[in-house]
PDB file of N, CA and C in Angstrom:
ATOM      1  N   UNK A   1     -43.886 118.813-127.292  1.00  0.00           N
ATOM      2  CA  UNK A   1     -44.511 119.817-126.321  1.00  0.00           C
ATOM      3  C   UNK A   1     -45.566 120.642-127.132  1.00  0.00           C
ATOM      4  N   UNK A   2     -45.256 120.845-128.390  1.00  0.00           N
ATOM      5  CA  UNK A   2     -46.141 121.662-129.225  1.00  0.00           C
ATOM      6  C   UNK A   2     -47.498 120.974-129.488  1.00  0.00           C
ATOM      7  N   UNK A   3     -47.431 119.589-129.731  1.00  0.00           N
ATOM      8  CA  UNK A   3     -48.562 118.861-130.004  1.00  0.00           C
ATOM      9  C   UNK A   3     -49.402 118.715-128.695  1.00  0.00           C
ATOM     10  N   UNK A   4     -48.811 118.648-127.530  1.00  0.00           N
ATOM     11  CA  UNK A   4     -49.454 118.711-126.183  1.00  0.00           C
ATOM     12  C   UNK A   4     -50.445 119.960-126.117  1.00  0.00           C
ATOM     13  N   UNK A   5     -49.843 121.264-126.585  1.00  0.00           N
ATOM     14  CA  UNK A   5     -50.592 122.428-126.556  1.00  0.00           C
ATOM     15  C   UNK A   5     -51.717 122.535-127.432  1.00  0.00           C
ATOM     16  N   UNK A   6     -51.457 122.011-128.702  1.00  0.00           N
ATOM     17  CA  UNK A   6     -52.442 122.053-129.681  1.00  0.00           C
ATOM     18  C   UNK A   6     -53.498 121.138-129.384  1.00  0.00           C
ATOM     19  N   UNK A   7     -53.230 119.987-128.665  1.00  0.00           N
ATOM     20  CA  UNK A   7     -54.307 119.117-128.331  1.00  0.00           C
ATOM     21  C   UNK A   7     -55.305 119.589-127.269  1.00  0.00           C
ATOM     22  N   UNK A   8     -54.446 120.329-126.271  1.00  0.00           N
ATOM     23  CA  UNK A   8     -55.378 120.937-125.219  1.00  0.00           C
ATOM     24  C   UNK A   8     -56.117 122.210-125.887  1.00  0.00           C
ATOM     25  N   UNK A   9     -55.651 122.904-126.725  1.00  0.00           N
ATOM     26  CA  UNK A   9     -56.356 123.913-127.508  1.00  0.00           C
ATOM     27  C   UNK A   9     -57.658 123.375-128.133  1.00  0.00           C
ATOM     28  N   UNK A  10     -57.235 122.311-128.873  1.00  0.00           N
ATOM     29  CA  UNK A  10     -58.407 121.498-129.645  1.00  0.00           C
ATOM     30  C   UNK A  10     -59.486 121.045-128.641  1.00  0.00           C
ATOM     31  N   UNK A  11     -59.128 120.566-127.523  1.00  0.00           N
ATOM     32  CA  UNK A  11     -60.139 120.252-126.505  1.00  0.00           C
ATOM     33  C   UNK A  11     -60.919 121.254-126.074  1.00  0.00           C
ATOM     34  N   UNK A  12     -60.264 122.450-125.792  1.00  0.00           N
ATOM     35  CA  UNK A  12     -61.098 123.558-125.391  1.00  0.00           C
ATOM     36  C   UNK A  12     -62.060 124.130-126.481  1.00  0.00           C
ATOM     37  N   UNK A  13     -61.458 124.045-127.784  1.00  0.00           N
ATOM     38  CA  UNK A  13     -62.358 124.618-128.813  1.00  0.00           C
ATOM     39  C   UNK A  13     -63.542 123.541-128.948  1.00  0.00           C
ATOM     40  N   UNK A  14     -63.348 122.306-128.856  1.00  0.00           N
ATOM     41  CA  UNK A  14     -64.523 121.376-129.040  1.00  0.00           C
ATOM     42  C   UNK A  14     -65.480 121.511-127.994  1.00  0.00           C
ATOM     43  N   UNK A  15     -64.988 121.761-126.727  1.00  0.00           N
ATOM     44  CA  UNK A  15     -65.795 121.914-125.636  1.00  0.00           C
ATOM     45  C   UNK A  15     -66.646 123.144-125.779  1.00  0.00           C
ATOM     46  N   UNK A  16     -66.032 124.230-126.196  1.00  0.00           N
ATOM     47  CA  UNK A  16     -66.677 125.469-126.283  1.00  0.00           C
ATOM     48  C   UNK A  16     -67.715 125.295-127.573  1.00  0.00           C
ATOM     49  N   UNK A  17     -67.351 124.659-128.567  1.00  0.00           N
ATOM     50  CA  UNK A  17     -68.197 124.392-129.955  1.00  0.00           C
ATOM     51  C   UNK A  17     -69.411 123.502-129.442  1.00  0.00           C
ATOM     52  N   UNK A  18     -69.221 122.584-128.409  1.00  0.00           N
ATOM     53  CA  UNK A  18     -70.491 121.839-128.185  1.00  0.00           C
ATOM     54  C   UNK A  18     -71.119 122.422-127.034  1.00  0.00           C
ATOM     55  N   UNK A  19     -70.658 123.338-126.329  1.00  0.00           N
ATOM     56  CA  UNK A  19     -71.434 123.911-125.178  1.00  0.00           C
ATOM     57  C   UNK A  19     -72.684 124.449-125.556  1.00  0.00           C
ATOM     58  N   UNK A  20     -72.970 125.074-126.382  1.00  0.00           N
ATOM     59  CA  UNK A  20     -74.305 125.595-126.722  1.00  0.00           C
ATOM     60  C   UNK A  20     -75.314 124.586-127.013  1.00  0.00           C
ATOM     61  N   UNK A  21     -74.881 123.447-127.648  1.00  0.00           N
ATOM     62  CA  UNK A  21     -75.805 122.370-128.010  1.00  0.00           C
ATOM     63  C   UNK A  21     -76.184 121.647-126.748  1.00  0.00           C
ATOM     64  N   UNK A  22     -75.246 121.746-125.698  1.00  0.00           N
ATOM     65  CA  UNK A  22     -75.445 121.035-124.510  1.00  0.00           C
ATOM     66  C   UNK A  22     -76.490 121.661-123.592  1.00  0.00           C
ATOM     67  N   UNK A  23     -76.584 122.926-123.659  1.00  0.00           N
ATOM     68  CA  UNK A  23     -77.534 123.676-122.906  1.00  0.00           C
ATOM     69  C   UNK A  23     -78.883 123.626-123.439  1.00  0.00           C
ATOM     70  N   UNK A  24     -79.758 123.370-122.409  1.00  0.00           N
ATOM     71  CA  UNK A  24     -81.204 123.521-122.855  1.00  0.00           C
ATOM     72  C   UNK A  24     -81.749 124.825-123.236  1.00  0.00           C
ATOM     73  N   UNK A  25     -82.439 124.942-124.317  1.00  0.00           N
ATOM     74  CA  UNK A  25     -82.929 126.294-124.645  1.00  0.00           C
ATOM     75  C   UNK A  25     -84.383 126.345-124.178  1.00  0.00           C
ATOM     76  N   UNK A  26     -84.711 127.347-123.277  1.00  0.00           N
ATOM     77  CA  UNK A  26     -85.969 127.514-122.966  1.00  0.00           C
ATOM     78  C   UNK A  26     -86.929 128.006-124.097  1.00  0.00           C
ATOM     79  N   UNK A  27     -87.971 127.195-124.362  1.00  0.00           N
ATOM     80  CA  UNK A  27     -89.003 127.510-125.313  1.00  0.00           C
ATOM     81  C   UNK A  27     -90.202 128.114-124.700  1.00  0.00           C
ATOM     82  N   UNK A  28     -90.549 129.243-125.053  1.00  0.00           N
ATOM     83  CA  UNK A  28     -91.665 130.066-124.525  1.00  0.00           C
ATOM     84  C   UNK A  28     -92.877 129.644-125.234  1.00  0.00           C
ATOM     85  N   UNK A  29     -93.954 129.219-124.486  1.00  0.00           N
ATOM     86  CA  UNK A  29     -95.336 128.839-124.980  1.00  0.00           C
ATOM     87  C   UNK A  29     -96.184 130.142-125.125  1.00  0.00           C
ATOM     88  N   UNK A  30     -95.630 131.267-124.444  1.00  0.00           N
ATOM     89  CA  UNK A  30     -96.439 132.443-124.551  1.00  0.00           C
ATOM     90  C   UNK A  30     -96.338 133.099-125.977  1.00  0.00           C
ATOM     91  N   UNK A  31     -97.512 133.941-126.268  1.00  0.00           N
ATOM     92  CA  UNK A  31     -97.529 134.578-127.404  1.00  0.00           C
ATOM     93  C   UNK A  31     -96.428 135.840-127.346  1.00  0.00           C
ATOM     94  N   UNK A  32     -95.851 136.382-128.409  1.00  0.00           N
ATOM     95  CA  UNK A  32     -94.995 137.321-128.370  1.00  0.00           C
ATOM     96  C   UNK A  32     -95.633 138.486-127.887  1.00  0.00           C
ATOM     97  N   UNK A  33     -94.914 139.472-127.320  1.00  0.00           N
ATOM     98  CA  UNK A  33     -95.553 140.825-126.667  1.00  0.00           C
ATOM     99  C   UNK A  33     -96.002 141.680-127.987  1.00  0.00           C
ATOM    100  N   UNK A  34     -97.066 142.456-127.819  1.00  0.00           N
ATOM    101  CA  UNK A  34     -97.392 143.392-128.689  1.00  0.00           C
ATOM    102  C   UNK A  34     -96.451 144.507-128.760  1.00  0.00           C
ATOM    103  N   UNK A  35     -96.814 145.399-129.804  1.00  0.00           N
ATOM    104  CA  UNK A  35     -95.894 146.630-129.904  1.00  0.00           C
ATOM    105  C   UNK A  35     -96.334 147.581-128.718  1.00  0.00           C
ATOM    106  N   UNK A  36     -97.500 147.528-128.242  1.00  0.00           N
ATOM    107  CA  UNK A  36     -97.907 148.438-127.197  1.00  0.00           C
ATOM    108  C   UNK A  36     -97.032 147.993-125.784  1.00  0.00           C
ATOM    109  N   UNK A  37     -96.999 146.720-125.654  1.00  0.00           N
ATOM    110  CA  UNK A  37     -96.396 146.112-124.428  1.00  0.00           C
ATOM    111  C   UNK A  37     -94.978 146.304-124.591  1.00  0.00           C
ATOM    112  N   UNK A  38     -94.243 146.315-125.755  1.00  0.00           N
ATOM    113  CA  UNK A  38     -92.952 146.581-125.907  1.00  0.00           C
ATOM    114  C   UNK A  38     -92.570 148.052-125.711  1.00  0.00           C
ATOM    115  N   UNK A  39     -93.481 148.866-126.202  1.00  0.00           N
ATOM    116  CA  UNK A  39     -93.350 150.393-125.999  1.00  0.00           C
ATOM    117  C   UNK A  39     -93.364 150.702-124.421  1.00  0.00           C
ATOM    118  N   UNK A  40     -94.276 150.150-123.631  1.00  0.00           N
ATOM    119  CA  UNK A  40     -94.581 150.292-122.423  1.00  0.00           C
ATOM    120  C   UNK A  40     -93.422 149.804-121.546  1.00  0.00           C
ATOM    121  N   UNK A  41     -92.799 148.503-121.952  1.00  0.00           N
ATOM    122  CA  UNK A  41     -91.664 148.080-121.310  1.00  0.00           C
ATOM    123  C   UNK A  41     -90.478 148.942-121.531  1.00  0.00           C
ATOM    124  N   UNK A  42     -90.500 149.564-122.754  1.00  0.00           N
ATOM    125  CA  UNK A  42     -89.156 150.336-123.064  1.00  0.00           C
ATOM    126  C   UNK A  42     -89.303 151.613-122.191  1.00  0.00           C
ATOM    127  N   UNK A  43     -90.543 152.259-122.030  1.00  0.00           N
ATOM    128  CA  UNK A  43     -90.634 153.495-121.464  1.00  0.00           C
ATOM    129  C   UNK A  43     -90.297 153.138-119.872  1.00  0.00           C
ATOM    130  N   UNK A  44     -90.903 151.880-119.301  1.00  0.00           N
ATOM    131  CA  UNK A  44     -90.617 151.643-117.939  1.00  0.00           C
ATOM    132  C   UNK A  44     -89.058 151.421-117.719  1.00  0.00           C
ATOM    133  N   UNK A  45     -88.301 150.840-118.646  1.00  0.00           N
ATOM    134  CA  UNK A  45     -86.929 150.661-118.429  1.00  0.00           C
ATOM    135  C   UNK A  45     -86.141 152.013-118.539  1.00  0.00           C
ATOM    136  N   UNK A  46     -86.527 152.777-119.337  1.00  0.00           N
ATOM    137  CA  UNK A  46     -85.850 154.103-119.409  1.00  0.00           C
ATOM    138  C   UNK A  46     -86.050 154.968-118.134  1.00  0.00           C
ATOM    139  N   UNK A  47     -87.303 154.910-117.643  1.00  0.00           N
ATOM    140  CA  UNK A  47     -87.570 155.573-116.271  1.00  0.00           C
ATOM    141  C   UNK A  47     -86.831 154.938-115.269  1.00  0.00           C
ATOM    142  N   UNK A  48     -86.799 153.774-115.184  1.00  0.00           N
ATOM    143  CA  UNK A  48     -85.986 153.054-114.045  1.00  0.00           C
ATOM    144  C   UNK A  48     -84.409 153.309-114.142  1.00  0.00           C
ATOM    145  N   UNK A  49     -83.939 153.278-115.355  1.00  0.00           N
ATOM    146  CA  UNK A  49     -82.410 153.630-115.520  1.00  0.00           C
ATOM    147  C   UNK A  49     -82.239 154.891-115.201  1.00  0.00           C
ATOM    148  N   UNK A  50     -83.045 155.855-115.503  1.00  0.00           N
ATOM    149  CA  UNK A  50     -82.836 157.377-115.391  1.00  0.00           C
ATOM    150  C   UNK A  50     -82.795 157.556-113.837  1.00  0.00           C
ATOM    151  N   UNK A  51     -83.837 156.878-113.294  1.00  0.00           N
ATOM    152  CA  UNK A  51     -83.888 157.173-111.828  1.00  0.00           C
ATOM    153  C   UNK A  51     -82.725 156.552-111.050  1.00  0.00           C
ATOM    154  N   UNK A  52     -82.266 155.378-111.371  1.00  0.00           N
ATOM    155  CA  UNK A  52     -81.097 154.733-110.844  1.00  0.00           C
ATOM    156  C   UNK A  52     -79.851 155.698-110.947  1.00  0.00           C
ATOM    157  N   UNK A  53     -79.842 156.388-112.081  1.00  0.00           N
ATOM    158  CA  UNK A  53     -78.501 157.255-112.319  1.00  0.00           C
ATOM    159  C   UNK A  53     -78.745 158.634-111.849  1.00  0.00           C
ATOM    160  N   UNK A  54     -79.814 159.025-111.410  1.00  0.00           N
ATOM    161  CA  UNK A  54     -80.196 160.454-111.006  1.00  0.00           C
ATOM    162  C   UNK A  54     -79.646 160.696-109.619  1.00  0.00           C
ATOM    163  N   UNK A  55     -79.186 161.956-109.323  1.00  0.00           N
ATOM    164  CA  UNK A  55     -78.778 162.262-107.987  1.00  0.00           C
ATOM    165  C   UNK A  55     -79.999 162.808-107.331  1.00  0.00           C
ATOM    166  N   UNK A  56     -81.095 163.064-107.946  1.00  0.00           N
ATOM    167  CA  UNK A  56     -82.339 163.672-107.493  1.00  0.00           C
ATOM    168  C   UNK A  56     -83.307 162.609-106.797  1.00  0.00           C
ATOM    169  N   UNK A  57     -82.916 161.339-107.213  1.00  0.00           N
ATOM    170  CA  UNK A  57     -83.816 160.280-106.646  1.00  0.00           C
ATOM    171  C   UNK A  57     -83.258 159.685-105.211  1.00  0.00           C
ATOM    172  N   UNK A  58     -84.039 159.558-104.257  1.00  0.00           N
ATOM    173  CA  UNK A  58     -83.579 159.179-102.952  1.00  0.00           C
ATOM    174  C   UNK A  58     -83.061 157.642-102.966  1.00  0.00           C
ATOM    175  N   UNK A  59     -82.129 157.334-102.175  1.00  0.00           N
ATOM    176  CA  UNK A  59     -81.720 156.009-102.199  1.00  0.00           C
ATOM    177  C   UNK A  59     -82.598 155.003-101.881  1.00  0.00           C
ATOM    178  N   UNK A  60     -83.653 155.176-100.943  1.00  0.00           N
ATOM    179  CA  UNK A  60     -84.688 154.080-100.671  1.00  0.00           C
ATOM    180  C   UNK A  60     -85.374 153.737-102.046  1.00  0.00           C
ATOM    181  N   UNK A  61     -85.679 154.846-102.863  1.00  0.00           N
ATOM    182  CA  UNK A  61     -86.314 154.541-104.150  1.00  0.00           C
ATOM    183  C   UNK A  61     -85.471 153.773-105.073  1.00  0.00           C
ATOM    184  N   UNK A  62     -84.257 154.199-105.125  1.00  0.00           N
ATOM    185  CA  UNK A  62     -83.261 153.367-106.094  1.00  0.00           C
ATOM    186  C   UNK A  62     -83.171 151.932-105.583  1.00  0.00           C
ATOM    187  N   UNK A  63     -83.278 151.827-104.306  1.00  0.00           N
ATOM    188  CA  UNK A  63     -82.928 150.508-103.897  1.00  0.00           C
ATOM    189  C   UNK A  63     -84.262 149.607-104.121  1.00  0.00           C
ATOM    190  N   UNK A  64     -85.431 150.138-103.879  1.00  0.00           N
ATOM    191  CA  UNK A  64     -86.631 149.444-104.326  1.00  0.00           C
ATOM    192  C   UNK A  64     -86.559 149.089-105.876  1.00  0.00           C
ATOM    193  N   UNK A  65     -86.313 150.010-106.534  1.00  0.00           N
ATOM    194  CA  UNK A  65     -86.281 149.746-107.964  1.00  0.00           C
ATOM    195  C   UNK A  65     -85.183 148.744-108.586  1.00  0.00           C
ATOM    196  N   UNK A  66     -83.947 148.831-107.896  1.00  0.00           N
ATOM    197  CA  UNK A  66     -83.040 147.894-108.260  1.00  0.00           C
ATOM    198  C   UNK A  66     -83.442 146.409-107.877  1.00  0.00           C
ATOM    199  N   UNK A  67     -83.937 146.317-106.501  1.00  0.00           N
ATOM    200  CA  UNK A  67     -84.480 145.018-106.148  1.00  0.00           C
ATOM    201  C   UNK A  67     -85.487 144.462-106.958  1.00  0.00           C
ATOM    202  N   UNK A  68     -86.378 145.292-107.406  1.00  0.00           N
ATOM    203  CA  UNK A  68     -87.596 144.957-108.228  1.00  0.00           C
ATOM    204  C   UNK A  68     -87.067 144.446-109.630  1.00  0.00           C
ATOM    205  N   UNK A  69     -85.982 145.217-110.080  1.00  0.00           N
ATOM    206  CA  UNK A  69     -85.523 144.843-111.509  1.00  0.00           C
ATOM    207  C   UNK A  69     -84.642 143.549-111.319  1.00  0.00           C
ATOM    208  N   UNK A  70     -84.029 143.201-110.269  1.00  0.00           N
ATOM    209  CA  UNK A  70     -83.227 142.067-110.165  1.00  0.00           C
ATOM    210  C   UNK A  70     -84.218 140.961-110.037  1.00  0.00           C
ATOM    211  N   UNK A  71     -85.313 140.947-109.349  1.00  0.00           N
ATOM    212  CA  UNK A  71     -86.064 140.030-108.907  1.00  0.00           C
ATOM    213  C   UNK A  71     -87.191 139.681-109.976  1.00  0.00           C
ATOM    214  N   UNK A  72     -87.492 140.701-110.976  1.00  0.00           N
ATOM    215  CA  UNK A  72     -88.659 140.484-111.958  1.00  0.00           C
ATOM    216  C   UNK A  72     -88.127 140.949-113.316  1.00  0.00           C
ATOM    217  N   UNK A  73     -88.770 140.436-114.317  1.00  0.00           N
ATOM    218  CA  UNK A  73     -88.398 140.923-115.574  1.00  0.00           C
ATOM    219  C   UNK A  73     -89.219 142.251-115.969  1.00  0.00           C
ATOM    220  N   UNK A  74     -88.519 143.008-116.969  1.00  0.00           N
ATOM    221  CA  UNK A  74     -89.077 144.348-117.276  1.00  0.00           C
ATOM    222  C   UNK A  74     -90.504 144.207-117.700  1.00  0.00           C
ATOM    223  N   UNK A  75     -90.799 142.984-118.368  1.00  0.00           N
ATOM    224  CA  UNK A  75     -92.250 142.743-118.846  1.00  0.00           C
ATOM    225  C   UNK A  75     -93.117 142.821-117.604  1.00  0.00           C
ATOM    226  N   UNK A  76     -92.751 142.027-116.488  1.00  0.00           N
ATOM    227  CA  UNK A  76     -93.678 141.866-115.351  1.00  0.00           C
ATOM    228  C   UNK A  76     -93.714 143.221-114.766  1.00  0.00           C
ATOM    229  N   UNK A  77     -92.716 143.897-114.593  1.00  0.00           N
ATOM    230  CA  UNK A  77     -92.803 145.319-113.977  1.00  0.00           C
ATOM    231  C   UNK A  77     -93.706 146.233-114.782  1.00  0.00           C
ATOM    232  N   UNK A  78     -93.445 146.158-116.001  1.00  0.00           N
ATOM    233  CA  UNK A  78     -94.274 147.049-116.875  1.00  0.00           C
ATOM    234  C   UNK A  78     -95.860 146.602-116.901  1.00  0.00           C
ATOM    235  N   UNK A  79     -96.025 145.398-116.998  1.00  0.00           N
ATOM    236  CA  UNK A  79     -97.541 144.841-116.896  1.00  0.00           C
ATOM    237  C   UNK A  79     -98.200 145.325-115.515  1.00  0.00           C
ATOM    238  N   UNK A  80     -97.357 145.162-114.507  1.00  0.00           N
ATOM    239  CA  UNK A  80     -97.976 145.640-113.225  1.00  0.00           C
ATOM    240  C   UNK A  80     -98.229 147.140-113.253  1.00  0.00           C
ATOM    241  N   UNK A  81     -97.258 147.836-113.627  1.00  0.00           N
ATOM    242  CA  UNK A  81     -97.458 149.316-113.708  1.00  0.00           C
ATOM    243  C   UNK A  81     -98.558 149.685-114.689  1.00  0.00           C
ATOM    244  N   UNK A  82     -98.844 149.105-115.778  1.00  0.00           N
ATOM    245  CA  UNK A  82    -100.114 149.242-116.609  1.00  0.00           C
ATOM    246  C   UNK A  82    -101.208 149.021-116.051  1.00  0.00           C
ATOM    247  N   UNK A  83    -101.254 147.945-115.152  1.00  0.00           N
ATOM    248  CA  UNK A  83    -102.423 147.461-114.283  1.00  0.00           C
ATOM    249  C   UNK A  83    -102.877 148.643-113.320  1.00  0.00           C
ATOM    250  N   UNK A  84    -101.892 149.136-112.610  1.00  0.00           N
ATOM    251  CA  UNK A  84    -102.137 150.229-111.667  1.00  0.00           C
ATOM    252  C   UNK A  84    -102.595 151.486-112.417  1.00  0.00           C
ATOM    253  N   UNK A  85    -102.071 151.870-113.604  1.00  0.00           N
ATOM    254  CA  UNK A  85    -102.509 153.004-114.424  1.00  0.00           C
ATOM    255  C   UNK A  85    -103.932 152.846-114.889  1.00  0.00           C
ATOM    256  N   UNK A  86    -104.267 151.608-115.416  1.00  0.00           N
ATOM    257  CA  UNK A  86    -105.548 151.323-115.826  1.00  0.00           C
ATOM    258  C   UNK A  86    -106.516 151.490-114.609  1.00  0.00           C
ATOM    259  N   UNK A  87    -106.176 150.856-113.583  1.00  0.00           N
ATOM    260  CA  UNK A  87    -107.072 150.929-112.316  1.00  0.00           C
ATOM    261  C   UNK A  87    -107.339 152.521-111.825  1.00  0.00           C
ATOM    262  N   UNK A  88    -106.531 153.348-112.131  1.00  0.00           N
ATOM    263  CA  UNK A  88    -106.480 154.734-111.889  1.00  0.00           C
ATOM    264  C   UNK A  88    -106.649 155.576-112.997  1.00  0.00           C
ATOM    265  N   UNK A  89    -107.463 155.211-114.074  1.00  0.00           N
ATOM    266  CA  UNK A  89    -107.708 155.913-115.254  1.00  0.00           C
ATOM    267  C   UNK A  89    -107.880 157.489-115.010  1.00  0.00           C
ATOM    268  N   UNK A  90    -107.052 158.104-115.795  1.00  0.00           N
ATOM    269  CA  UNK A  90    -107.151 159.711-115.681  1.00  0.00           C
ATOM    270  C   UNK A  90    -106.339 160.276-114.647  1.00  0.00           C
ATOM    271  N   UNK A  91    -105.752 159.582-113.704  1.00  0.00           N
ATOM    272  CA  UNK A  91    -105.049 160.197-112.633  1.00  0.00           C
ATOM    273  C   UNK A  91    -103.521 160.126-112.937  1.00  0.00           C
ATOM    274  N   UNK A  92    -103.000 159.319-113.763  1.00  0.00           N
ATOM    275  CA  UNK A  92    -101.662 159.328-113.998  1.00  0.00           C
ATOM    276  C   UNK A  92    -101.367 159.625-115.597  1.00  0.00           C
ATOM    277  N   UNK A  93    -100.496 160.582-115.766  1.00  0.00           N
ATOM    278  CA  UNK A  93    -100.123 161.098-117.110  1.00  0.00           C
ATOM    279  C   UNK A  93     -98.880 160.349-117.497  1.00  0.00           C
ATOM    280  N   UNK A  94     -98.909 159.436-118.418  1.00  0.00           N
ATOM    281  CA  UNK A  94     -97.867 158.639-118.911  1.00  0.00           C
ATOM    282  C   UNK A  94     -96.713 159.419-119.403  1.00  0.00           C
ATOM    283  N   UNK A  95     -96.974 160.793-119.763  1.00  0.00           N
ATOM    284  CA  UNK A  95     -95.914 161.531-120.235  1.00  0.00           C
ATOM    285  C   UNK A  95     -95.130 162.363-119.109  1.00  0.00           C
ATOM    286  N   UNK A  96     -95.891 162.206-117.948  1.00  0.00           N
ATOM    287  CA  UNK A  96     -95.110 162.921-116.761  1.00  0.00           C
ATOM    288  C   UNK A  96     -94.171 161.885-116.193  1.00  0.00           C
ATOM    289  N   UNK A  97     -92.751 161.933-116.239  1.00  0.00           N
ATOM    290  CA  UNK A  97     -91.902 161.009-115.723  1.00  0.00           C
ATOM    291  C   UNK A  97     -92.121 160.931-114.262  1.00  0.00           C
ATOM    292  N   UNK A  98     -92.250 162.082-113.563  1.00  0.00           N
ATOM    293  CA  UNK A  98     -92.374 161.970-112.003  1.00  0.00           C
ATOM    294  C   UNK A  98     -93.590 161.139-111.625  1.00  0.00           C
ATOM    295  N   UNK A  99     -94.614 161.138-112.370  1.00  0.00           N
ATOM    296  CA  UNK A  99     -95.808 160.366-111.950  1.00  0.00           C
ATOM    297  C   UNK A  99     -95.489 158.911-112.283  1.00  0.00           C
ATOM    298  N   UNK A 100     -94.887 158.616-113.570  1.00  0.00           N
ATOM    299  CA  UNK A 100     -94.664 157.387-113.838  1.00  0.00           C
ATOM    300  C   UNK A 100     -93.593 156.673-112.758  1.00  0.00           C
ATOM    301  N   UNK A 101     -92.536 157.491-112.431  1.00  0.00           N
ATOM    302  CA  UNK A 101     -91.646 157.060-111.522  1.00  0.00           C
ATOM    303  C   UNK A 101     -92.286 156.689-110.156  1.00  0.00           C
ATOM    304  N   UNK A 102     -93.215 157.435-109.807  1.00  0.00           N
ATOM    305  CA  UNK A 102     -94.080 157.007-108.506  1.00  0.00           C
ATOM    306  C   UNK A 102     -94.692 155.737-108.707  1.00  0.00           C
ATOM    307  N   UNK A 103     -95.377 155.558-109.771  1.00  0.00           N
ATOM    308  CA  UNK A 103     -96.209 154.482-110.053  1.00  0.00           C
ATOM    309  C   UNK A 103     -95.331 153.175-110.078  1.00  0.00           C
ATOM    310  N   UNK A 104     -94.153 153.247-110.960  1.00  0.00           N
ATOM    311  CA  UNK A 104     -93.316 152.168-110.979  1.00  0.00           C
ATOM    312  C   UNK A 104     -92.670 151.935-109.586  1.00  0.00           C
ATOM    313  N   UNK A 105     -92.279 152.775-108.864  1.00  0.00           N
ATOM    314  CA  UNK A 105     -91.717 152.519-107.515  1.00  0.00           C
ATOM    315  C   UNK A 105     -92.617 151.943-106.553  1.00  0.00           C
ATOM    316  N   UNK A 106     -93.885 152.317-106.674  1.00  0.00           N
ATOM    317  CA  UNK A 106     -95.056 151.747-105.786  1.00  0.00           C
ATOM    318  C   UNK A 106     -95.173 150.423-106.201  1.00  0.00           C
ATOM    319  N   UNK A 107     -95.329 150.094-107.494  1.00  0.00           N
ATOM    320  CA  UNK A 107     -95.511 148.726-108.113  1.00  0.00           C
ATOM    321  C   UNK A 107     -94.298 147.814-107.617  1.00  0.00           C
ATOM    322  N   UNK A 108     -93.139 148.478-107.455  1.00  0.00           N
ATOM    323  CA  UNK A 108     -91.926 147.575-106.974  1.00  0.00           C
ATOM    324  C   UNK A 108     -91.868 147.664-105.431  1.00  0.00           C
ATOM    325  N   UNK A 109     -92.934 148.082-104.790  1.00  0.00           N
ATOM    326  CA  UNK A 109     -92.939 147.825-103.346  1.00  0.00           C
ATOM    327  C   UNK A 109     -92.516 149.127-102.531  1.00  0.00           C
ATOM    328  N   UNK A 110     -91.977 150.244-103.107  1.00  0.00           N
ATOM    329  CA  UNK A 110     -91.662 151.433-102.283  1.00  0.00           C
ATOM    330  C   UNK A 110     -92.899 151.928-101.721  1.00  0.00           C
ATOM    331  N   UNK A 111     -92.690 152.339-100.387  1.00  0.00           N
ATOM    332  CA  UNK A 111     -93.776 153.004 -99.710  1.00  0.00           C
ATOM    333  C   UNK A 111     -93.048 154.193 -99.048  1.00  0.00           C
ATOM    334  N   UNK A 112     -93.397 155.409 -99.358  1.00  0.00           N
ATOM    335  CA  UNK A 112     -92.849 156.492 -98.687  1.00  0.00           C
ATOM    336  C   UNK A 112     -93.176 156.540 -97.348  1.00  0.00           C
ATOM    337  N   UNK A 113     -92.236 157.006 -96.486  1.00  0.00           N
ATOM    338  CA  UNK A 113     -92.508 157.078 -95.068  1.00  0.00           C
ATOM    339  C   UNK A 113     -93.538 158.154 -94.845  1.00  0.00           C
ATOM    340  N   UNK A 114     -94.492 158.051 -93.875  1.00  0.00           N
ATOM    341  CA  UNK A 114     -95.281 159.021 -93.581  1.00  0.00           C
ATOM    342  C   UNK A 114     -94.603 160.081 -92.856  1.00  0.00           C
ATOM    343  N   UNK A 115     -94.994 161.375 -93.109  1.00  0.00           N
ATOM    344  CA  UNK A 115     -94.374 162.481 -92.404  1.00  0.00           C
ATOM    345  C   UNK A 115     -94.620 162.427 -90.821  1.00  0.00           C
ATOM    346  N   UNK A 116     -93.621 162.733 -90.203  1.00  0.00           N
ATOM    347  CA  UNK A 116     -93.777 162.654 -88.658  1.00  0.00           C
ATOM    348  C   UNK A 116     -94.835 163.562 -88.184  1.00  0.00           C
ATOM    349  N   UNK A 117     -95.541 163.003 -87.297  1.00  0.00           N
ATOM    350  CA  UNK A 117     -96.829 163.758 -86.674  1.00  0.00           C
ATOM    351  C   UNK A 117     -96.159 164.897 -85.965  1.00  0.00           C
ATOM    352  N   UNK A 118     -96.760 166.088 -86.136  1.00  0.00           N
ATOM    353  CA  UNK A 118     -96.491 167.242 -85.381  1.00  0.00           C
ATOM    354  C   UNK A 118     -96.946 167.170 -84.020  1.00  0.00           C
ATOM    355  N   UNK A 119     -96.011 167.554 -82.947  1.00  0.00           N
ATOM    356  CA  UNK A 119     -96.699 167.487 -81.568  1.00  0.00           C
ATOM    357  C   UNK A 119     -97.772 168.300 -81.399  1.00  0.00           C
ATOM    358  N   UNK A 120     -98.650 167.911 -80.517  1.00  0.00           N
ATOM    359  CA  UNK A 120     -99.873 168.842 -80.230  1.00  0.00           C
ATOM    360  C   UNK A 120     -99.448 170.176 -79.597  1.00  0.00           C
ATOM    361  N   UNK A 121     -99.970 171.160 -79.997  1.00  0.00           N
ATOM    362  CA  UNK A 121     -99.662 172.574 -79.235  1.00  0.00           C
ATOM    363  C   UNK A 121     -99.929 172.481 -77.704  1.00  0.00           C
ATOM    364  N   UNK A 122     -98.988 172.932 -77.049  1.00  0.00           N
ATOM    365  CA  UNK A 122     -99.157 172.969 -75.678  1.00  0.00           C
ATOM    366  C   UNK A 122    -100.186 174.111 -75.231  1.00  0.00           C
ATOM    367  N   UNK A 123    -101.018 173.671 -74.229  1.00  0.00           N
ATOM    368  CA  UNK A 123    -101.999 174.636 -73.869  1.00  0.00           C
ATOM    369  C   UNK A 123    -101.565 175.576 -72.683  1.00  0.00           C
TER     370      UNK A 123
END
C-alpha cells in the first residue's frame, strides 16, 4: 500500500515538474517599456486601485474602472490616458488625482449622466 501512495505522489511530482515545460511561453516582440511608460502605468494603477477602494467614488465609476482593468492591460489603459492628456495639453494636471481619475474613467468609457433638465418656468 505504501508503494502505491509513493508511486502516485511521484506521478504528481513528475507531472508538476514537467508542467511548466509543456506550457508555451509567450515571447513578446515588442520593445520593453520606457521608465516614463512604467511610471505612468504605476500612477494609473495607483489611482484606479485607490478609486476602487474609496467610499467617495460612485459605483458607476468603479464599475467602469473594474471592467476596463479586466478587459485591458494597465499598459493599454495608461497609454490611452497619456494620449488624452497629450491631446489636451495644459488642461490636465497629472498631480491632481481628481483630474487624473476623471481622465482615466473617461478613457475607460465612463460618461457621467447629464444633469436633468430643469422644467421651464410656468408663465
